[in-house]
Amino acid sequence: ASGFTLDLFAIGWVRQAPGKEREVVSCISGDDGSTNYADAVKGRFT
C-alpha cells in the first residue's frame, strides 16, 4: 500500500472466482487490527 497510512483504513481481500459472485474473503480493520473471514475460508486463511 502507498499514498495513505494503513492503520487508518480497513483492508479487504476480495476474490472473483469463475462463475461466482465477487466476495470479500477476509478483512482487517485499521484501528484495532480485528479480522474477519468468509465461512468458506475460516481456519485456512489468515
PDB file of all heavy atoms in Angstrom:
ATOM      1  N   ALA A   1       0.832  -1.195   0.000  1.00  0.00           N
ATOM      2  CA  ALA A   1       0.000   0.000   0.000  1.00  0.00           C
ATOM      3  C   ALA A   1       0.869   1.249   0.000  1.00  0.00           C
ATOM      4  O   ALA A   1       1.926   1.294   0.626  1.00  0.00           O
ATOM      5  CB  ALA A   1      -0.922   0.015   1.211  1.00  0.00           C
ATOM      6  N   SER A   2       0.403   2.274  -0.683  1.00  0.00           N
ATOM      7  CA  SER A   2       1.100   3.553  -0.700  1.00  0.00           C
ATOM      8  C   SER A   2       0.081   4.678  -0.821  1.00  0.00           C
ATOM      9  O   SER A   2      -1.045   4.476  -1.271  1.00  0.00           O
ATOM     10  CB  SER A   2       2.116   3.624  -1.847  1.00  0.00           C
ATOM     11  OG  SER A   2       1.473   3.518  -3.103  1.00  0.00           O
ATOM     12  N   GLY A   3       0.480   5.865  -0.405  1.00  0.00           N
ATOM     13  CA  GLY A   3      -0.383   7.021  -0.507  1.00  0.00           C
ATOM     14  C   GLY A   3      -1.309   7.229   0.674  1.00  0.00           C
ATOM     15  O   GLY A   3      -2.113   8.174   0.667  1.00  0.00           O
ATOM     16  N   PHE A   4      -1.202   6.392   1.672  1.00  0.00           N
ATOM     17  CA  PHE A   4      -2.025   6.520   2.869  1.00  0.00           C
ATOM     18  C   PHE A   4      -1.391   5.741   4.000  1.00  0.00           C
ATOM     19  O   PHE A   4      -0.532   4.885   3.773  1.00  0.00           O
ATOM     20  CB  PHE A   4      -3.457   6.045   2.618  1.00  0.00           C
ATOM     21  CG  PHE A   4      -3.566   4.573   2.333  1.00  0.00           C
ATOM     22  CD1 PHE A   4      -3.957   3.686   3.322  1.00  0.00           C
ATOM     23  CD2 PHE A   4      -3.301   4.075   1.073  1.00  0.00           C
ATOM     24  CE1 PHE A   4      -4.077   2.330   3.064  1.00  0.00           C
ATOM     25  CE2 PHE A   4      -3.410   2.725   0.790  1.00  0.00           C
ATOM     26  CZ  PHE A   4      -3.799   1.853   1.798  1.00  0.00           C
ATOM     27  N   THR A   5      -1.834   6.028   5.196  1.00  0.00           N
ATOM     28  CA  THR A   5      -1.368   5.288   6.362  1.00  0.00           C
ATOM     29  C   THR A   5      -2.302   4.110   6.590  1.00  0.00           C
ATOM     30  O   THR A   5      -3.504   4.281   6.775  1.00  0.00           O
ATOM     31  CB  THR A   5      -1.313   6.179   7.607  1.00  0.00           C
ATOM     32  OG1 THR A   5      -2.582   6.817   7.804  1.00  0.00           O
ATOM     33  CG2 THR A   5      -0.246   7.243   7.448  1.00  0.00           C
ATOM     34  N   LEU A   6      -1.732   2.940   6.604  1.00  0.00           N
ATOM     35  CA  LEU A   6      -2.511   1.719   6.623  1.00  0.00           C
ATOM     36  C   LEU A   6      -3.389   1.593   7.859  1.00  0.00           C
ATOM     37  O   LEU A   6      -4.467   0.986   7.792  1.00  0.00           O
ATOM     38  CB  LEU A   6      -1.563   0.521   6.517  1.00  0.00           C
ATOM     39  CG  LEU A   6      -2.156  -0.821   6.114  1.00  0.00           C
ATOM     40  CD1 LEU A   6      -2.841  -0.729   4.765  1.00  0.00           C
ATOM     41  CD2 LEU A   6      -1.055  -1.872   6.086  1.00  0.00           C
ATOM     42  N   ASP A   7      -2.965   2.140   8.958  1.00  0.00           N
ATOM     43  CA  ASP A   7      -3.739   1.992  10.185  1.00  0.00           C
ATOM     44  C   ASP A   7      -5.031   2.791  10.192  1.00  0.00           C
ATOM     45  O   ASP A   7      -5.842   2.635  11.111  1.00  0.00           O
ATOM     46  CB  ASP A   7      -2.879   2.343  11.404  1.00  0.00           C
ATOM     47  CG  ASP A   7      -2.356   3.765  11.382  1.00  0.00           C
ATOM     48  OD1 ASP A   7      -2.307   4.380  10.300  1.00  0.00           O
ATOM     49  OD2 ASP A   7      -1.980   4.264  12.459  1.00  0.00           O
ATOM     50  N   LEU A   8      -5.252   3.644   9.197  1.00  0.00           N
ATOM     51  CA  LEU A   8      -6.470   4.430   9.108  1.00  0.00           C
ATOM     52  C   LEU A   8      -7.476   3.851   8.117  1.00  0.00           C
ATOM     53  O   LEU A   8      -8.549   4.435   7.919  1.00  0.00           O
ATOM     54  CB  LEU A   8      -6.143   5.871   8.724  1.00  0.00           C
ATOM     55  CG  LEU A   8      -5.260   6.651   9.708  1.00  0.00           C
ATOM     56  CD1 LEU A   8      -5.006   8.055   9.190  1.00  0.00           C
ATOM     57  CD2 LEU A   8      -5.904   6.702  11.086  1.00  0.00           C
ATOM     58  N   PHE A   9      -7.165   2.731   7.511  1.00  0.00           N
ATOM     59  CA  PHE A   9      -8.024   2.106   6.515  1.00  0.00           C
ATOM     60  C   PHE A   9      -8.350   0.680   6.909  1.00  0.00           C
ATOM     61  O   PHE A   9      -7.540  -0.011   7.521  1.00  0.00           O
ATOM     62  CB  PHE A   9      -7.341   2.082   5.143  1.00  0.00           C
ATOM     63  CG  PHE A   9      -7.282   3.401   4.445  1.00  0.00           C
ATOM     64  CD1 PHE A   9      -6.465   4.414   4.909  1.00  0.00           C
ATOM     65  CD2 PHE A   9      -8.033   3.619   3.296  1.00  0.00           C
ATOM     66  CE1 PHE A   9      -6.405   5.634   4.253  1.00  0.00           C
ATOM     67  CE2 PHE A   9      -7.979   4.830   2.631  1.00  0.00           C
ATOM     68  CZ  PHE A   9      -7.164   5.840   3.112  1.00  0.00           C
ATOM     69  N   ALA A  10      -9.543   0.247   6.541  1.00  0.00           N
ATOM     70  CA  ALA A  10      -9.865  -1.164   6.564  1.00  0.00           C
ATOM     71  C   ALA A  10      -9.399  -1.783   5.256  1.00  0.00           C
ATOM     72  O   ALA A  10      -9.578  -1.199   4.189  1.00  0.00           O
ATOM     73  CB  ALA A  10     -11.365  -1.374   6.741  1.00  0.00           C
ATOM     74  N   ILE A  11      -8.788  -2.944   5.334  1.00  0.00           N
ATOM     75  CA  ILE A  11      -8.267  -3.618   4.157  1.00  0.00           C
ATOM     76  C   ILE A  11      -8.958  -4.965   3.990  1.00  0.00           C
ATOM     77  O   ILE A  11      -9.057  -5.736   4.942  1.00  0.00           O
ATOM     78  CB  ILE A  11      -6.753  -3.830   4.233  1.00  0.00           C
ATOM     79  CG1 ILE A  11      -6.028  -2.503   4.492  1.00  0.00           C
ATOM     80  CG2 ILE A  11      -6.239  -4.477   2.947  1.00  0.00           C
ATOM     81  CD1 ILE A  11      -6.185  -1.486   3.381  1.00  0.00           C
ATOM     82  N   GLY A  12      -9.415  -5.225   2.786  1.00  0.00           N
ATOM     83  CA  GLY A  12     -10.051  -6.493   2.493  1.00  0.00           C
ATOM     84  C   GLY A  12      -9.368  -7.217   1.353  1.00  0.00           C
ATOM     85  O   GLY A  12      -8.760  -6.592   0.487  1.00  0.00           O
ATOM     86  N   TRP A  13      -9.467  -8.533   1.385  1.00  0.00           N
ATOM     87  CA  TRP A  13      -9.085  -9.366   0.256  1.00  0.00           C
ATOM     88  C   TRP A  13     -10.371  -9.858  -0.386  1.00  0.00           C
ATOM     89  O   TRP A  13     -11.199 -10.498   0.269  1.00  0.00           O
ATOM     90  CB  TRP A  13      -8.210 -10.538   0.691  1.00  0.00           C
ATOM     91  CG  TRP A  13      -6.795 -10.156   0.985  1.00  0.00           C
ATOM     92  CD1 TRP A  13      -6.241  -9.919   2.199  1.00  0.00           C
ATOM     93  CD2 TRP A  13      -5.750  -9.974   0.022  1.00  0.00           C
ATOM     94  NE1 TRP A  13      -4.912  -9.601   2.064  1.00  0.00           N
ATOM     95  CE2 TRP A  13      -4.581  -9.628   0.738  1.00  0.00           C
ATOM     96  CE3 TRP A  13      -5.682 -10.073  -1.368  1.00  0.00           C
ATOM     97  CZ2 TRP A  13      -3.358  -9.375   0.104  1.00  0.00           C
ATOM     98  CZ3 TRP A  13      -4.471  -9.825  -1.994  1.00  0.00           C
ATOM     99  CH2 TRP A  13      -3.339  -9.485  -1.266  1.00  0.00           C
ATOM    100  N   VAL A  14     -10.527  -9.539  -1.658  1.00  0.00           N
ATOM    101  CA  VAL A  14     -11.745  -9.831  -2.397  1.00  0.00           C
ATOM    102  C   VAL A  14     -11.429 -10.831  -3.496  1.00  0.00           C
ATOM    103  O   VAL A  14     -10.461 -10.655  -4.229  1.00  0.00           O
ATOM    104  CB  VAL A  14     -12.348  -8.554  -2.997  1.00  0.00           C
ATOM    105  CG1 VAL A  14     -13.619  -8.870  -3.776  1.00  0.00           C
ATOM    106  CG2 VAL A  14     -12.639  -7.537  -1.895  1.00  0.00           C
ATOM    107  N   ARG A  15     -12.242 -11.857  -3.601  1.00  0.00           N
ATOM    108  CA  ARG A  15     -11.997 -12.917  -4.575  1.00  0.00           C
ATOM    109  C   ARG A  15     -13.066 -12.928  -5.648  1.00  0.00           C
ATOM    110  O   ARG A  15     -14.260 -12.881  -5.355  1.00  0.00           O
ATOM    111  CB  ARG A  15     -11.974 -14.278  -3.869  1.00  0.00           C
ATOM    112  CG  ARG A  15     -11.761 -15.467  -4.799  1.00  0.00           C
ATOM    113  CD  ARG A  15     -11.501 -16.731  -3.996  1.00  0.00           C
ATOM    114  NE  ARG A  15     -12.671 -17.170  -3.255  1.00  0.00           N
ATOM    115  CZ  ARG A  15     -12.635 -18.075  -2.282  1.00  0.00           C
ATOM    116  NH1 ARG A  15     -11.461 -18.599  -1.917  1.00  0.00           N
ATOM    117  NH2 ARG A  15     -13.745 -18.435  -1.668  1.00  0.00           N
ATOM    118  N   GLN A  16     -12.622 -13.001  -6.890  1.00  0.00           N
ATOM    119  CA  GLN A  16     -13.500 -13.200  -8.021  1.00  0.00           C
ATOM    120  C   GLN A  16     -13.224 -14.587  -8.575  1.00  0.00           C
ATOM    121  O   GLN A  16     -12.233 -14.801  -9.262  1.00  0.00           O
ATOM    122  CB  GLN A  16     -13.288 -12.143  -9.097  1.00  0.00           C
ATOM    123  CG  GLN A  16     -14.161 -12.344 -10.328  1.00  0.00           C
ATOM    124  CD  GLN A  16     -15.617 -12.200 -10.019  1.00  0.00           C
ATOM    125  OE1 GLN A  16     -16.111 -11.093  -9.765  1.00  0.00           O
ATOM    126  NE2 GLN A  16     -16.345 -13.326 -10.021  1.00  0.00           N
ATOM    127  N   ALA A  17     -14.102 -15.518  -8.262  1.00  0.00           N
ATOM    128  CA  ALA A  17     -13.952 -16.891  -8.724  1.00  0.00           C
ATOM    129  C   ALA A  17     -14.746 -17.088 -10.007  1.00  0.00           C
ATOM    130  O   ALA A  17     -15.768 -16.435 -10.223  1.00  0.00           O
ATOM    131  CB  ALA A  17     -14.431 -17.864  -7.656  1.00  0.00           C
ATOM    132  N   PRO A  18     -14.300 -17.993 -10.871  1.00  0.00           N
ATOM    133  CA  PRO A  18     -15.015 -18.231 -12.135  1.00  0.00           C
ATOM    134  C   PRO A  18     -16.460 -18.626 -11.899  1.00  0.00           C
ATOM    135  O   PRO A  18     -16.749 -19.556 -11.145  1.00  0.00           O
ATOM    136  CB  PRO A  18     -14.226 -19.376 -12.772  1.00  0.00           C
ATOM    137  CG  PRO A  18     -12.865 -19.297 -12.157  1.00  0.00           C
ATOM    138  CD  PRO A  18     -13.098 -18.823 -10.756  1.00  0.00           C
ATOM    139  N   GLY A  19     -17.368 -17.898 -12.530  1.00  0.00           N
ATOM    140  CA  GLY A  19     -18.780 -18.213 -12.437  1.00  0.00           C
ATOM    141  C   GLY A  19     -19.428 -17.918 -11.107  1.00  0.00           C
ATOM    142  O   GLY A  19     -20.567 -18.330 -10.879  1.00  0.00           O
ATOM    143  N   LYS A  20     -18.723 -17.224 -10.227  1.00  0.00           N
ATOM    144  CA  LYS A  20     -19.256 -16.928  -8.913  1.00  0.00           C
ATOM    145  C   LYS A  20     -19.275 -15.425  -8.652  1.00  0.00           C
ATOM    146  O   LYS A  20     -18.575 -14.660  -9.309  1.00  0.00           O
ATOM    147  CB  LYS A  20     -18.436 -17.619  -7.827  1.00  0.00           C
ATOM    148  CG  LYS A  20     -18.410 -19.139  -7.924  1.00  0.00           C
ATOM    149  CD  LYS A  20     -17.568 -19.741  -6.816  1.00  0.00           C
ATOM    150  CE  LYS A  20     -17.520 -21.250  -6.915  1.00  0.00           C
ATOM    151  NZ  LYS A  20     -16.675 -21.838  -5.838  1.00  0.00           N
ATOM    152  N   GLU A  21     -20.062 -15.030  -7.683  1.00  0.00           N
ATOM    153  CA  GLU A  21     -20.134 -13.630  -7.298  1.00  0.00           C
ATOM    154  C   GLU A  21     -18.863 -13.215  -6.577  1.00  0.00           C
ATOM    155  O   GLU A  21     -18.283 -13.983  -5.808  1.00  0.00           O
ATOM    156  CB  GLU A  21     -21.350 -13.405  -6.401  1.00  0.00           C
ATOM    157  CG  GLU A  21     -21.570 -11.958  -6.010  1.00  0.00           C
ATOM    158  CD  GLU A  21     -22.789 -11.769  -5.142  1.00  0.00           C
ATOM    159  OE1 GLU A  21     -23.489 -12.763  -4.867  1.00  0.00           O
ATOM    160  OE2 GLU A  21     -23.055 -10.618  -4.738  1.00  0.00           O
ATOM    161  N   ARG A  22     -18.432 -12.010  -6.839  1.00  0.00           N
ATOM    162  CA  ARG A  22     -17.281 -11.472  -6.143  1.00  0.00           C
ATOM    163  C   ARG A  22     -17.572 -11.400  -4.647  1.00  0.00           C
ATOM    164  O   ARG A  22     -18.667 -11.009  -4.230  1.00  0.00           O
ATOM    165  CB  ARG A  22     -16.940 -10.093  -6.701  1.00  0.00           C
ATOM    166  CG  ARG A  22     -15.639  -9.520  -6.203  1.00  0.00           C
ATOM    167  CD  ARG A  22     -15.243  -8.274  -6.993  1.00  0.00           C
ATOM    168  NE  ARG A  22     -14.924  -8.585  -8.380  1.00  0.00           N
ATOM    169  CZ  ARG A  22     -14.330  -7.735  -9.215  1.00  0.00           C
ATOM    170  NH1 ARG A  22     -13.997  -6.518  -8.791  1.00  0.00           N
ATOM    171  NH2 ARG A  22     -14.090  -8.096 -10.461  1.00  0.00           N
ATOM    172  N   GLU A  23     -16.587 -11.772  -3.834  1.00  0.00           N
ATOM    173  CA  GLU A  23     -16.810 -11.914  -2.415  1.00  0.00           C
ATOM    174  C   GLU A  23     -15.606 -11.451  -1.619  1.00  0.00           C
ATOM    175  O   GLU A  23     -14.466 -11.729  -1.983  1.00  0.00           O
ATOM    176  CB  GLU A  23     -17.112 -13.382  -2.082  1.00  0.00           C
ATOM    177  CG  GLU A  23     -17.317 -13.667  -0.611  1.00  0.00           C
ATOM    178  CD  GLU A  23     -17.487 -15.144  -0.327  1.00  0.00           C
ATOM    179  OE1 GLU A  23     -16.971 -15.959  -1.112  1.00  0.00           O
ATOM    180  OE2 GLU A  23     -18.143 -15.483   0.680  1.00  0.00           O
ATOM    181  N   VAL A  24     -15.864 -10.763  -0.515  1.00  0.00           N
ATOM    182  CA  VAL A  24     -14.805 -10.429   0.432  1.00  0.00           C
ATOM    183  C   VAL A  24     -14.498 -11.682   1.243  1.00  0.00           C
ATOM    184  O   VAL A  24     -15.352 -12.170   1.985  1.00  0.00           O
ATOM    185  CB  VAL A  24     -15.221  -9.285   1.368  1.00  0.00           C
ATOM    186  CG1 VAL A  24     -14.092  -8.961   2.345  1.00  0.00           C
ATOM    187  CG2 VAL A  24     -15.612  -8.045   0.578  1.00  0.00           C
ATOM    188  N   VAL A  25     -13.309 -12.209   1.104  1.00  0.00           N
ATOM    189  CA  VAL A  25     -12.957 -13.428   1.819  1.00  0.00           C
ATOM    190  C   VAL A  25     -12.331 -13.137   3.174  1.00  0.00           C
ATOM    191  O   VAL A  25     -12.388 -13.979   4.073  1.00  0.00           O
ATOM    192  CB  VAL A  25     -12.028 -14.336   0.989  1.00  0.00           C
ATOM    193  CG1 VAL A  25     -12.719 -14.783  -0.294  1.00  0.00           C
ATOM    194  CG2 VAL A  25     -10.713 -13.630   0.664  1.00  0.00           C
ATOM    195  N   SER A  26     -11.756 -11.966   3.333  1.00  0.00           N
ATOM    196  CA  SER A  26     -11.153 -11.598   4.602  1.00  0.00           C
ATOM    197  C   SER A  26     -10.934 -10.098   4.657  1.00  0.00           C
ATOM    198  O   SER A  26     -10.771  -9.449   3.626  1.00  0.00           O
ATOM    199  CB  SER A  26      -9.814 -12.332   4.802  1.00  0.00           C
ATOM    200  OG  SER A  26      -9.281 -12.072   6.086  1.00  0.00           O
ATOM    201  N   CYS A  27     -10.918  -9.556   5.861  1.00  0.00           N
ATOM    202  CA  CYS A  27     -10.627  -8.138   6.022  1.00  0.00           C
ATOM    203  C   CYS A  27      -9.993  -7.905   7.378  1.00  0.00           C
ATOM    204  O   CYS A  27     -10.125  -8.715   8.292  1.00  0.00           O
ATOM    205  CB  CYS A  27     -11.879  -7.272   5.856  1.00  0.00           C
ATOM    206  SG  CYS A  27     -13.163  -7.557   7.086  1.00  0.00           S
ATOM    207  N   ILE A  28      -9.319  -6.767   7.493  1.00  0.00           N
ATOM    208  CA  ILE A  28      -8.663  -6.399   8.734  1.00  0.00           C
ATOM    209  C   ILE A  28      -8.881  -4.916   8.959  1.00  0.00           C
ATOM    210  O   ILE A  28      -8.776  -4.107   8.039  1.00  0.00           O
ATOM    211  CB  ILE A  28      -7.158  -6.767   8.698  1.00  0.00           C
ATOM    212  CG1 ILE A  28      -6.514  -6.512  10.054  1.00  0.00           C
ATOM    213  CG2 ILE A  28      -6.427  -6.025   7.582  1.00  0.00           C
ATOM    214  CD1 ILE A  28      -5.140  -7.167  10.183  1.00  0.00           C
ATOM    215  N   SER A  29      -9.204  -4.539  10.174  1.00  0.00           N
ATOM    216  CA  SER A  29      -9.510  -3.152  10.482  1.00  0.00           C
ATOM    217  C   SER A  29      -8.243  -2.342  10.677  1.00  0.00           C
ATOM    218  O   SER A  29      -7.182  -2.873  11.028  1.00  0.00           O
ATOM    219  CB  SER A  29     -10.388  -3.048  11.728  1.00  0.00           C
ATOM    220  OG  SER A  29      -9.692  -3.462  12.888  1.00  0.00           O
ATOM    221  N   GLY A  30      -8.364  -1.038  10.454  1.00  0.00           N
ATOM    222  CA  GLY A  30      -7.205  -0.176  10.571  1.00  0.00           C
ATOM    223  C   GLY A  30      -6.860   0.194  11.990  1.00  0.00           C
ATOM    224  O   GLY A  30      -5.682   0.384  12.309  1.00  0.00           O
ATOM    225  N   ASP A  31      -7.853   0.298  12.847  1.00  0.00           N
ATOM    226  CA  ASP A  31      -7.604   0.793  14.192  1.00  0.00           C
ATOM    227  C   ASP A  31      -7.127  -0.290  15.151  1.00  0.00           C
ATOM    228  O   ASP A  31      -6.035  -0.178  15.724  1.00  0.00           O
ATOM    229  CB  ASP A  31      -8.839   1.495  14.750  1.00  0.00           C
ATOM    230  CG  ASP A  31     -10.116   0.682  14.596  1.00  0.00           C
ATOM    231  OD1 ASP A  31     -10.050  -0.467  14.117  1.00  0.00           O
ATOM    232  OD2 ASP A  31     -11.179   1.203  14.961  1.00  0.00           O
ATOM    233  N   ASP A  32      -7.913  -1.329  15.327  1.00  0.00           N
ATOM    234  CA  ASP A  32      -7.554  -2.358  16.293  1.00  0.00           C
ATOM    235  C   ASP A  32      -7.026  -3.640  15.665  1.00  0.00           C
ATOM    236  O   ASP A  32      -6.664  -4.569  16.391  1.00  0.00           O
ATOM    237  CB  ASP A  32      -8.734  -2.668  17.215  1.00  0.00           C
ATOM    238  CG  ASP A  32      -9.940  -3.204  16.481  1.00  0.00           C
ATOM    239  OD1 ASP A  32      -9.880  -3.370  15.246  1.00  0.00           O
ATOM    240  OD2 ASP A  32     -10.969  -3.456  17.139  1.00  0.00           O
ATOM    241  N   GLY A  33      -7.003  -3.709  14.341  1.00  0.00           N
ATOM    242  CA  GLY A  33      -6.484  -4.892  13.674  1.00  0.00           C
ATOM    243  C   GLY A  33      -7.371  -6.112  13.749  1.00  0.00           C
ATOM    244  O   GLY A  33      -6.899  -7.225  13.479  1.00  0.00           O
ATOM    245  N   SER A  34      -8.628  -5.935  14.098  1.00  0.00           N
ATOM    246  CA  SER A  34      -9.533  -7.076  14.159  1.00  0.00           C
ATOM    247  C   SER A  34      -9.742  -7.654  12.769  1.00  0.00           C
ATOM    248  O   SER A  34      -9.690  -6.936  11.760  1.00  0.00           O
ATOM    249  CB  SER A  34     -10.861  -6.679  14.791  1.00  0.00           C
ATOM    250  OG  SER A  34     -11.507  -5.670  14.031  1.00  0.00           O
ATOM    251  N   THR A  35      -9.995  -8.945  12.708  1.00  0.00           N
ATOM    252  CA  THR A  35     -10.080  -9.644  11.435  1.00  0.00           C
ATOM    253  C   THR A  35     -11.415 -10.352  11.279  1.00  0.00           C
ATOM    254  O   THR A  35     -12.081 -10.691  12.260  1.00  0.00           O
ATOM    255  CB  THR A  35      -8.950 -10.668  11.294  1.00  0.00           C
ATOM    256  OG1 THR A  35      -9.036 -11.619  12.370  1.00  0.00           O
ATOM    257  CG2 THR A  35      -7.594  -9.980  11.357  1.00  0.00           C
ATOM    258  N   ASN A  36     -11.787 -10.575  10.017  1.00  0.00           N
ATOM    259  CA  ASN A  36     -12.991 -11.310   9.682  1.00  0.00           C
ATOM    260  C   ASN A  36     -12.707 -12.190   8.484  1.00  0.00           C
ATOM    261  O   ASN A  36     -11.868 -11.878   7.641  1.00  0.00           O
ATOM    262  CB  ASN A  36     -14.147 -10.360   9.367  1.00  0.00           C
ATOM    263  CG  ASN A  36     -14.685  -9.662  10.586  1.00  0.00           C
ATOM    264  OD1 ASN A  36     -15.547 -10.185  11.291  1.00  0.00           O
ATOM    265  ND2 ASN A  36     -14.173  -8.464  10.853  1.00  0.00           N
ATOM    266  N   TYR A  37     -13.442 -13.302   8.414  1.00  0.00           N
ATOM    267  CA  TYR A  37     -13.253 -14.258   7.339  1.00  0.00           C
ATOM    268  C   TYR A  37     -14.597 -14.769   6.844  1.00  0.00           C
ATOM    269  O   TYR A  37     -15.529 -14.957   7.629  1.00  0.00           O
ATOM    270  CB  TYR A  37     -12.415 -15.452   7.806  1.00  0.00           C
ATOM    271  CG  TYR A  37     -11.046 -15.077   8.297  1.00  0.00           C
ATOM    272  CD1 TYR A  37     -10.827 -14.798   9.642  1.00  0.00           C
ATOM    273  CD2 TYR A  37      -9.975 -14.992   7.414  1.00  0.00           C
ATOM    274  CE1 TYR A  37      -9.567 -14.441  10.088  1.00  0.00           C
ATOM    275  CE2 TYR A  37      -8.720 -14.637   7.861  1.00  0.00           C
ATOM    276  CZ  TYR A  37      -8.521 -14.361   9.198  1.00  0.00           C
ATOM    277  OH  TYR A  37      -7.264 -14.009   9.639  1.00  0.00           O
ATOM    278  N   ALA A  38     -14.674 -14.980   5.545  1.00  0.00           N
ATOM    279  CA  ALA A  38     -15.828 -15.666   4.999  1.00  0.00           C
ATOM    280  C   ALA A  38     -15.829 -17.109   5.481  1.00  0.00           C
ATOM    281  O   ALA A  38     -14.776 -17.703   5.723  1.00  0.00           O
ATOM    282  CB  ALA A  38     -15.802 -15.616   3.472  1.00  0.00           C
ATOM    283  N   ASP A  39     -17.014 -17.669   5.626  1.00  0.00           N
ATOM    284  CA  ASP A  39     -17.112 -19.037   6.128  1.00  0.00           C
ATOM    285  C   ASP A  39     -16.301 -20.026   5.299  1.00  0.00           C
ATOM    286  O   ASP A  39     -15.745 -20.988   5.833  1.00  0.00           O
ATOM    287  CB  ASP A  39     -18.576 -19.477   6.170  1.00  0.00           C
ATOM    288  CG  ASP A  39     -19.363 -18.785   7.262  1.00  0.00           C
ATOM    289  OD1 ASP A  39     -18.743 -18.233   8.184  1.00  0.00           O
ATOM    290  OD2 ASP A  39     -20.609 -18.805   7.186  1.00  0.00           O
ATOM    291  N   ALA A  40     -16.226 -19.790   4.010  1.00  0.00           N
ATOM    292  CA  ALA A  40     -15.546 -20.724   3.126  1.00  0.00           C
ATOM    293  C   ALA A  40     -14.052 -20.819   3.381  1.00  0.00           C
ATOM    294  O   ALA A  40     -13.423 -21.811   2.992  1.00  0.00           O
ATOM    295  CB  ALA A  40     -15.798 -20.336   1.668  1.00  0.00           C
ATOM    296  N   VAL A  41     -13.471 -19.813   4.032  1.00  0.00           N
ATOM    297  CA  VAL A  41     -12.022 -19.807   4.232  1.00  0.00           C
ATOM    298  C   VAL A  41     -11.628 -19.841   5.697  1.00  0.00           C
ATOM    299  O   VAL A  41     -10.426 -19.885   6.003  1.00  0.00           O
ATOM    300  CB  VAL A  41     -11.364 -18.593   3.551  1.00  0.00           C
ATOM    301  CG1 VAL A  41     -11.753 -18.532   2.079  1.00  0.00           C
ATOM    302  CG2 VAL A  41     -11.736 -17.296   4.259  1.00  0.00           C
ATOM    303  N   LYS A  42     -12.572 -19.840   6.597  1.00  0.00           N
ATOM    304  CA  LYS A  42     -12.260 -19.875   8.023  1.00  0.00           C
ATOM    305  C   LYS A  42     -11.408 -21.083   8.365  1.00  0.00           C
ATOM    306  O   LYS A  42     -11.687 -22.197   7.943  1.00  0.00           O
ATOM    307  CB  LYS A  42     -13.546 -19.902   8.843  1.00  0.00           C
ATOM    308  CG  LYS A  42     -14.251 -18.570   8.980  1.00  0.00           C
ATOM    309  CD  LYS A  42     -15.462 -18.683   9.894  1.00  0.00           C
ATOM    310  CE  LYS A  42     -16.199 -17.359  10.034  1.00  0.00           C
ATOM    311  NZ  LYS A  42     -15.373 -16.316  10.680  1.00  0.00           N
ATOM    312  N   GLY A  43     -10.386 -20.846   9.157  1.00  0.00           N
ATOM    313  CA  GLY A  43      -9.496 -21.907   9.570  1.00  0.00           C
ATOM    314  C   GLY A  43      -8.400 -22.224   8.585  1.00  0.00           C
ATOM    315  O   GLY A  43      -7.480 -22.981   8.913  1.00  0.00           O
ATOM    316  N   ARG A  44      -8.480 -21.675   7.387  1.00  0.00           N
ATOM    317  CA  ARG A  44      -7.481 -21.946   6.357  1.00  0.00           C
ATOM    318  C   ARG A  44      -6.702 -20.704   5.936  1.00  0.00           C
ATOM    319  O   ARG A  44      -5.533 -20.805   5.576  1.00  0.00           O
ATOM    320  CB  ARG A  44      -8.144 -22.566   5.128  1.00  0.00           C
ATOM    321  CG  ARG A  44      -8.859 -23.878   5.414  1.00  0.00           C
ATOM    322  CD  ARG A  44      -9.351 -24.540   4.136  1.00  0.00           C
ATOM    323  NE  ARG A  44     -10.334 -23.706   3.436  1.00  0.00           N
ATOM    324  CZ  ARG A  44     -10.150 -23.177   2.230  1.00  0.00           C
ATOM    325  NH1 ARG A  44      -9.013 -23.394   1.573  1.00  0.00           N
ATOM    326  NH2 ARG A  44     -11.096 -22.452   1.663  1.00  0.00           N
ATOM    327  N   PHE A  45      -7.354 -19.555   5.952  1.00  0.00           N
ATOM    328  CA  PHE A  45      -6.718 -18.305   5.553  1.00  0.00           C
ATOM    329  C   PHE A  45      -6.449 -17.441   6.779  1.00  0.00           C
ATOM    330  O   PHE A  45      -7.228 -17.454   7.745  1.00  0.00           O
ATOM    331  CB  PHE A  45      -7.610 -17.517   4.601  1.00  0.00           C
ATOM    332  CG  PHE A  45      -7.761 -18.098   3.225  1.00  0.00           C
ATOM    333  CD1 PHE A  45      -7.332 -19.386   2.930  1.00  0.00           C
ATOM    334  CD2 PHE A  45      -8.338 -17.345   2.218  1.00  0.00           C
ATOM    335  CE1 PHE A  45      -7.478 -19.918   1.661  1.00  0.00           C
ATOM    336  CE2 PHE A  45      -8.491 -17.865   0.945  1.00  0.00           C
ATOM    337  CZ  PHE A  45      -8.061 -19.153   0.669  1.00  0.00           C
ATOM    338  N   THR A  46      -5.378 -16.672   6.727  1.00  0.00           N
ATOM    339  CA  THR A  46      -5.039 -15.752   7.798  1.00  0.00           C
ATOM    340  C   THR A  46      -4.623 -14.415   7.205  1.00  0.00           C
ATOM    341  O   THR A  46      -3.684 -14.353   6.412  1.00  0.00           O
ATOM    342  CB  THR A  46      -3.902 -16.289   8.678  1.00  0.00           C
ATOM    343  OG1 THR A  46      -4.257 -17.572   9.205  1.00  0.00           O
ATOM    344  CG2 THR A  46      -3.636 -15.333   9.834  1.00  0.00           C
TER     345      THR A  46
END
